């Protein structure tokens, strides 16, 4: 369902943030945002007859760098 997909998406993004924080990234610089099926990369939504490989394309994490602070 859409709710289940949204929950999974949020948990996936939060897990990535958790890994980055565990590796020394300041948590105040990170935001976890799951989009569920609202931003698909292809036409493989809930009721689509797609291969598992095609569905997997939509189970992804994207990282956007919004600002870079260089320490001297």
PDB file of N, CA and C in Angstrom:
ATOM      1  N   UNK A   1       0.837  -1.187   0.000  1.00  0.00           N
ATOM      2  CA  UNK A   1       0.000   0.000   0.000  1.00  0.00           C
ATOM      3  C   UNK A   1       0.881   1.249   0.000  1.00  0.00           C
ATOM      4  N   UNK A   2       0.275   2.379  -0.294  1.00  0.00           N
ATOM      5  CA  UNK A   2       1.035   3.631  -0.310  1.00  0.00           C
ATOM      6  C   UNK A   2       1.619   3.952   1.061  1.00  0.00           C
ATOM      7  N   UNK A   3       0.857   3.697   2.119  1.00  0.00           N
ATOM      8  CA  UNK A   3       1.351   3.985   3.468  1.00  0.00           C
ATOM      9  C   UNK A   3       2.547   3.101   3.816  1.00  0.00           C
ATOM     10  N   UNK A   4       2.456   1.833   3.485  1.00  0.00           N
ATOM     11  CA  UNK A   4       3.574   0.915   3.753  1.00  0.00           C
ATOM     12  C   UNK A   4       4.807   1.359   2.980  1.00  0.00           C
ATOM     13  N   UNK A   5       4.631   1.720   1.712  1.00  0.00           N
ATOM     14  CA  UNK A   5       5.766   2.178   0.907  1.00  0.00           C
ATOM     15  C   UNK A   5       6.368   3.460   1.467  1.00  0.00           C
ATOM     16  N   UNK A   6       5.524   4.369   1.947  1.00  0.00           N
ATOM     17  CA  UNK A   6       6.032   5.619   2.525  1.00  0.00           C
ATOM     18  C   UNK A   6       6.828   5.326   3.796  1.00  0.00           C
ATOM     19  N   UNK A   7       6.307   4.432   4.637  1.00  0.00           N
ATOM     20  CA  UNK A   7       7.021   4.058   5.868  1.00  0.00           C
ATOM     21  C   UNK A   7       8.364   3.405   5.549  1.00  0.00           C
ATOM     22  N   UNK A   8       8.384   2.493   4.603  1.00  0.00           N
ATOM     23  CA  UNK A   8       9.635   1.833   4.218  1.00  0.00           C
ATOM     24  C   UNK A   8      10.635   2.835   3.656  1.00  0.00           C
ATOM     25  N   UNK A   9      10.147   3.749   2.849  1.00  0.00           N
ATOM     26  CA  UNK A   9      11.001   4.761   2.252  1.00  0.00           C
ATOM     27  C   UNK A   9      11.631   5.642   3.326  1.00  0.00           C
ATOM     28  N   UNK A  10      10.828   6.043   4.302  1.00  0.00           N
ATOM     29  CA  UNK A  10      11.350   6.876   5.386  1.00  0.00           C
ATOM     30  C   UNK A  10      12.377   6.110   6.215  1.00  0.00           C
ATOM     31  N   UNK A  11      12.103   4.852   6.502  1.00  0.00           N
ATOM     32  CA  UNK A  11      13.053   4.035   7.271  1.00  0.00           C
ATOM     33  C   UNK A  11      14.360   3.837   6.504  1.00  0.00           C
ATOM     34  N   UNK A  12      14.265   3.668   5.197  1.00  0.00           N
ATOM     35  CA  UNK A  12      15.466   3.497   4.364  1.00  0.00           C
ATOM     36  C   UNK A  12      16.315   4.770   4.407  1.00  0.00           C
ATOM     37  N   UNK A  13      15.681   5.919   4.268  1.00  0.00           N
ATOM     38  CA  UNK A  13      16.441   7.170   4.286  1.00  0.00           C
ATOM     39  C   UNK A  13      17.017   7.440   5.678  1.00  0.00           C
ATOM     40  N   UNK A  14      16.272   7.121   6.719  1.00  0.00           N
ATOM     41  CA  UNK A  14      16.779   7.318   8.078  1.00  0.00           C
ATOM     42  C   UNK A  14      17.958   6.397   8.365  1.00  0.00           C
ATOM     43  N   UNK A  15      17.919   5.183   7.855  1.00  0.00           N
ATOM     44  CA  UNK A  15      19.039   4.254   8.039  1.00  0.00           C
ATOM     45  C   UNK A  15      20.308   4.810   7.404  1.00  0.00           C
ATOM     46  N   UNK A  16      20.180   5.460   6.266  1.00  0.00           N
ATOM     47  CA  UNK A  16      21.348   6.061   5.614  1.00  0.00           C
ATOM     48  C   UNK A  16      21.901   7.215   6.442  1.00  0.00           C
ATOM     49  N   UNK A  17      21.013   8.049   6.972  1.00  0.00           N
ATOM     50  CA  UNK A  17      21.448   9.135   7.847  1.00  0.00           C
ATOM     51  C   UNK A  17      22.164   8.563   9.065  1.00  0.00           C
ATOM     52  N   UNK A  18      21.601   7.523   9.651  1.00  0.00           N
ATOM     53  CA  UNK A  18      22.208   6.906  10.828  1.00  0.00           C
ATOM     54  C   UNK A  18      23.622   6.413  10.538  1.00  0.00           C
ATOM     55  N   UNK A  19      23.825   5.834   9.378  1.00  0.00           N
ATOM     56  CA  UNK A  19      25.160   5.349   8.989  1.00  0.00           C
ATOM     57  C   UNK A  19      26.125   6.511   8.832  1.00  0.00           C
ATOM     58  N   UNK A  20      25.676   7.594   8.200  1.00  0.00           N
ATOM     59  CA  UNK A  20      26.544   8.760   8.029  1.00  0.00           C
ATOM     60  C   UNK A  20      26.918   9.371   9.377  1.00  0.00           C
ATOM     61  N   UNK A  21      25.966   9.466  10.281  1.00  0.00           N
ATOM     62  CA  UNK A  21      26.230  10.004  11.620  1.00  0.00           C
ATOM     63  C   UNK A  21      27.210   9.094  12.365  1.00  0.00           C
ATOM     64  N   UNK A  22      27.024   7.797  12.253  1.00  0.00           N
ATOM     65  CA  UNK A  22      27.926   6.847  12.905  1.00  0.00           C
ATOM     66  C   UNK A  22      29.355   6.957  12.366  1.00  0.00           C
ATOM     67  N   UNK A  23      29.486   7.505  11.162  1.00  0.00           N
ATOM     68  CA  UNK A  23      30.801   7.678  10.553  1.00  0.00           C
ATOM     69  C   UNK A  23      31.308   9.112  10.661  1.00  0.00           C
ATOM     70  N   UNK A  24      30.719   9.879  11.581  1.00  0.00           N
ATOM     71  CA  UNK A  24      31.285  11.184  11.898  1.00  0.00           C
ATOM     72  C   UNK A  24      30.641  12.399  11.274  1.00  0.00           C
ATOM     73  N   UNK A  25      29.587  12.243  10.506  1.00  0.00           N
ATOM     74  CA  UNK A  25      28.922  13.399   9.906  1.00  0.00           C
ATOM     75  C   UNK A  25      28.021  14.045  10.955  1.00  0.00           C
ATOM     76  N   UNK A  26      28.079  15.358  11.052  1.00  0.00           N
ATOM     77  CA  UNK A  26      27.262  16.104  12.004  1.00  0.00           C
ATOM     78  C   UNK A  26      25.779  15.897  11.683  1.00  0.00           C
ATOM     79  N   UNK A  27      24.999  15.356  12.610  1.00  0.00           N
ATOM     80  CA  UNK A  27      23.589  15.080  12.326  1.00  0.00           C
ATOM     81  C   UNK A  27      22.762  16.328  12.021  1.00  0.00           C
ATOM     82  N   UNK A  28      23.232  17.493  12.453  1.00  0.00           N
ATOM     83  CA  UNK A  28      22.485  18.719  12.149  1.00  0.00           C
ATOM     84  C   UNK A  28      22.571  19.089  10.673  1.00  0.00           C
ATOM     85  N   UNK A  29      23.471  18.433   9.941  1.00  0.00           N
ATOM     86  CA  UNK A  29      23.619  18.703   8.510  1.00  0.00           C
ATOM     87  C   UNK A  29      22.790  17.765   7.640  1.00  0.00           C
ATOM     88  N   UNK A  30      22.079  16.829   8.262  1.00  0.00           N
ATOM     89  CA  UNK A  30      21.396  15.780   7.512  1.00  0.00           C
ATOM     90  C   UNK A  30      19.891  15.799   7.762  1.00  0.00           C
ATOM     91  N   UNK A  31      19.149  15.450   6.724  1.00  0.00           N
ATOM     92  CA  UNK A  31      17.698  15.311   6.827  1.00  0.00           C
ATOM     93  C   UNK A  31      17.310  14.035   6.092  1.00  0.00           C
ATOM     94  N   UNK A  32      16.551  13.185   6.758  1.00  0.00           N
ATOM     95  CA  UNK A  32      16.039  11.973   6.117  1.00  0.00           C
ATOM     96  C   UNK A  32      14.631  12.270   5.622  1.00  0.00           C
ATOM     97  N   UNK A  33      14.383  12.040   4.338  1.00  0.00           N
ATOM     98  CA  UNK A  33      13.054  12.287   3.776  1.00  0.00           C
ATOM     99  C   UNK A  33      12.693  11.153   2.828  1.00  0.00           C
ATOM    100  N   UNK A  34      11.697  10.375   3.208  1.00  0.00           N
ATOM    101  CA  UNK A  34      11.205   9.306   2.348  1.00  0.00           C
ATOM    102  C   UNK A  34      10.074   9.822   1.467  1.00  0.00           C
ATOM    103  N   UNK A  35      10.024   9.379   0.235  1.00  0.00           N
ATOM    104  CA  UNK A  35       9.000   9.833  -0.704  1.00  0.00           C
ATOM    105  C   UNK A  35       8.040   8.739  -1.137  1.00  0.00           C
ATOM    106  N   UNK A  36       8.246   7.515  -0.657  1.00  0.00           N
ATOM    107  CA  UNK A  36       7.349   6.436  -1.055  1.00  0.00           C
ATOM    108  C   UNK A  36       7.313   6.284  -2.558  1.00  0.00           C
ATOM    109  N   UNK A  37       6.115   6.260  -3.102  1.00  0.00           N
ATOM    110  CA  UNK A  37       5.970   6.122  -4.555  1.00  0.00           C
ATOM    111  C   UNK A  37       5.652   7.442  -5.233  1.00  0.00           C
ATOM    112  N   UNK A  38       5.916   8.543  -4.556  1.00  0.00           N
ATOM    113  CA  UNK A  38       5.592   9.842  -5.142  1.00  0.00           C
ATOM    114  C   UNK A  38       6.644  10.340  -6.124  1.00  0.00           C
ATOM    115  N   UNK A  39       7.829   9.726  -6.137  1.00  0.00           N
ATOM    116  CA  UNK A  39       8.895  10.155  -7.053  1.00  0.00           C
ATOM    117  C   UNK A  39       9.547   8.940  -7.701  1.00  0.00           C
ATOM    118  N   UNK A  40       8.774   8.198  -8.471  1.00  0.00           N
ATOM    119  CA  UNK A  40       9.278   6.992  -9.131  1.00  0.00           C
ATOM    120  C   UNK A  40      10.226   7.355 -10.262  1.00  0.00           C
ATOM    121  N   UNK A  41      11.199   6.498 -10.509  1.00  0.00           N
ATOM    122  CA  UNK A  41      12.127   6.668 -11.632  1.00  0.00           C
ATOM    123  C   UNK A  41      11.608   5.992 -12.903  1.00  0.00           C
ATOM    124  N   UNK A  42      10.593   5.151 -12.743  1.00  0.00           N
ATOM    125  CA  UNK A  42       9.999   4.465 -13.886  1.00  0.00           C
ATOM    126  C   UNK A  42       8.499   4.288 -13.604  1.00  0.00           C
ATOM    127  N   UNK A  43       7.809   3.522 -14.390  1.00  0.00           N
ATOM    128  CA  UNK A  43       6.358   3.349 -14.231  1.00  0.00           C
ATOM    129  C   UNK A  43       6.000   2.119 -13.392  1.00  0.00           C
ATOM    130  N   UNK A  44       6.845   1.745 -12.461  1.00  0.00           N
ATOM    131  CA  UNK A  44       6.624   0.537 -11.668  1.00  0.00           C
ATOM    132  C   UNK A  44       6.080   0.880 -10.290  1.00  0.00           C
ATOM    133  N   UNK A  45       4.815   1.233 -10.238  1.00  0.00           N
ATOM    134  CA  UNK A  45       4.153   1.525  -8.974  1.00  0.00           C
ATOM    135  C   UNK A  45       3.591   0.258  -8.351  1.00  0.00           C
ATOM    136  N   UNK A  46       2.741   0.435  -7.334  1.00  0.00           N
ATOM    137  CA  UNK A  46       2.165  -0.689  -6.594  1.00  0.00           C
ATOM    138  C   UNK A  46       1.527  -1.753  -7.472  1.00  0.00           C
ATOM    139  N   UNK A  47       0.708  -1.346  -8.396  1.00  0.00           N
ATOM    140  CA  UNK A  47      -0.078  -2.305  -9.168  1.00  0.00           C
ATOM    141  C   UNK A  47       0.518  -2.625 -10.538  1.00  0.00           C
ATOM    142  N   UNK A  48       1.742  -2.167 -10.767  1.00  0.00           N
ATOM    143  CA  UNK A  48       2.388  -2.404 -12.061  1.00  0.00           C
ATOM    144  C   UNK A  48       2.957  -3.810 -12.127  1.00  0.00           C
ATOM    145  N   UNK A  49       2.872  -4.400 -13.298  1.00  0.00           N
ATOM    146  CA  UNK A  49       3.464  -5.721 -13.525  1.00  0.00           C
ATOM    147  C   UNK A  49       4.860  -5.504 -14.091  1.00  0.00           C
ATOM    148  N   UNK A  50       5.804  -5.303 -13.197  1.00  0.00           N
ATOM    149  CA  UNK A  50       7.190  -5.069 -13.572  1.00  0.00           C
ATOM    150  C   UNK A  50       8.060  -6.154 -12.953  1.00  0.00           C
ATOM    151  N   UNK A  51       9.243  -6.302 -13.495  1.00  0.00           N
ATOM    152  CA  UNK A  51      10.186  -7.258 -12.925  1.00  0.00           C
ATOM    153  C   UNK A  51      10.665  -6.741 -11.564  1.00  0.00           C
ATOM    154  N   UNK A  52      11.196  -7.638 -10.752  1.00  0.00           N
ATOM    155  CA  UNK A  52      11.743  -7.240  -9.460  1.00  0.00           C
ATOM    156  C   UNK A  52      12.871  -6.237  -9.660  1.00  0.00           C
ATOM    157  N   UNK A  53      13.650  -6.435 -10.716  1.00  0.00           N
ATOM    158  CA  UNK A  53      14.748  -5.516 -11.024  1.00  0.00           C
ATOM    159  C   UNK A  53      14.221  -4.105 -11.298  1.00  0.00           C
ATOM    160  N   UNK A  54      13.115  -4.003 -12.035  1.00  0.00           N
ATOM    161  CA  UNK A  54      12.528  -2.697 -12.321  1.00  0.00           C
ATOM    162  C   UNK A  54      11.952  -2.047 -11.064  1.00  0.00           C
ATOM    163  N   UNK A  55      11.306  -2.834 -10.211  1.00  0.00           N
ATOM    164  CA  UNK A  55      10.805  -2.290  -8.944  1.00  0.00           C
ATOM    165  C   UNK A  55      11.966  -1.812  -8.074  1.00  0.00           C
ATOM    166  N   UNK A  56      13.085  -2.530  -8.095  1.00  0.00           N
ATOM    167  CA  UNK A  56      14.240  -2.192  -7.265  1.00  0.00           C
ATOM    168  C   UNK A  56      14.821  -0.826  -7.624  1.00  0.00           C
ATOM    169  N   UNK A  57      14.656  -0.402  -8.869  1.00  0.00           N
ATOM    170  CA  UNK A  57      15.143   0.914  -9.296  1.00  0.00           C
ATOM    171  C   UNK A  57      14.516   2.016  -8.439  1.00  0.00           C
ATOM    172  N   UNK A  58      13.285   1.800  -8.017  1.00  0.00           N
ATOM    173  CA  UNK A  58      12.593   2.807  -7.212  1.00  0.00           C
ATOM    174  C   UNK A  58      12.924   2.724  -5.726  1.00  0.00           C
ATOM    175  N   UNK A  59      13.582   1.652  -5.306  1.00  0.00           N
ATOM    176  CA  UNK A  59      14.013   1.530  -3.906  1.00  0.00           C
ATOM    177  C   UNK A  59      15.440   2.050  -3.829  1.00  0.00           C
ATOM    178  N   UNK A  60      15.547   3.330  -3.702  1.00  0.00           N
ATOM    179  CA  UNK A  60      16.855   3.969  -3.772  1.00  0.00           C
ATOM    180  C   UNK A  60      16.946   5.065  -2.722  1.00  0.00           C
ATOM    181  N   UNK A  61      18.149   5.518  -2.509  1.00  0.00           N
ATOM    182  CA  UNK A  61      18.398   6.676  -1.664  1.00  0.00           C
ATOM    183  C   UNK A  61      19.203   7.652  -2.502  1.00  0.00           C
ATOM    184  N   UNK A  62      18.758   8.885  -2.529  1.00  0.00           N
ATOM    185  CA  UNK A  62      19.490   9.937  -3.211  1.00  0.00           C
ATOM    186  C   UNK A  62      20.013  10.897  -2.159  1.00  0.00           C
ATOM    187  N   UNK A  63      21.260  11.319  -2.327  1.00  0.00           N
ATOM    188  CA  UNK A  63      21.862  12.264  -1.406  1.00  0.00           C
ATOM    189  C   UNK A  63      22.119  13.552  -2.165  1.00  0.00           C
ATOM    190  N   UNK A  64      21.606  14.645  -1.618  1.00  0.00           N
ATOM    191  CA  UNK A  64      21.814  15.957  -2.222  1.00  0.00           C
ATOM    192  C   UNK A  64      22.700  16.782  -1.298  1.00  0.00           C
ATOM    193  N   UNK A  65      23.774  17.329  -1.848  1.00  0.00           N
ATOM    194  CA  UNK A  65      24.644  18.202  -1.086  1.00  0.00           C
ATOM    195  C   UNK A  65      24.118  19.613  -1.272  1.00  0.00           C
ATOM    196  N   UNK A  66      23.702  20.238  -0.165  1.00  0.00           N
ATOM    197  CA  UNK A  66      23.110  21.559  -0.231  1.00  0.00           C
ATOM    198  C   UNK A  66      24.116  22.673   0.029  1.00  0.00           C
ATOM    199  N   UNK A  67      25.157  22.371   0.777  1.00  0.00           N
ATOM    200  CA  UNK A  67      26.160  23.372   1.122  1.00  0.00           C
ATOM    201  C   UNK A  67      27.442  22.635   1.467  1.00  0.00           C
ATOM    202  N   UNK A  68      28.536  23.225   1.124  1.00  0.00           N
ATOM    203  CA  UNK A  68      29.831  22.615   1.435  1.00  0.00           C
ATOM    204  C   UNK A  68      30.619  23.600   2.279  1.00  0.00           C
ATOM    205  N   UNK A  69      31.054  23.138   3.430  1.00  0.00           N
ATOM    206  CA  UNK A  69      31.891  23.967   4.315  1.00  0.00           C
ATOM    207  C   UNK A  69      33.254  23.310   4.379  1.00  0.00           C
ATOM    208  N   UNK A  70      34.261  24.043   3.954  1.00  0.00           N
ATOM    209  CA  UNK A  70      35.620  23.528   3.919  1.00  0.00           C
ATOM    210  C   UNK A  70      36.342  23.998   5.170  1.00  0.00           C
ATOM    211  N   UNK A  71      36.928  23.054   5.882  1.00  0.00           N
ATOM    212  CA  UNK A  71      37.720  23.398   7.062  1.00  0.00           C
ATOM    213  C   UNK A  71      39.165  23.621   6.647  1.00  0.00           C
ATOM    214  N   UNK A  72      39.758  24.678   7.154  1.00  0.00           N
ATOM    215  CA  UNK A  72      41.159  24.957   6.830  1.00  0.00           C
ATOM    216  C   UNK A  72      42.060  24.595   7.964  1.00  0.00           C
TER     217      UNK A  72
END
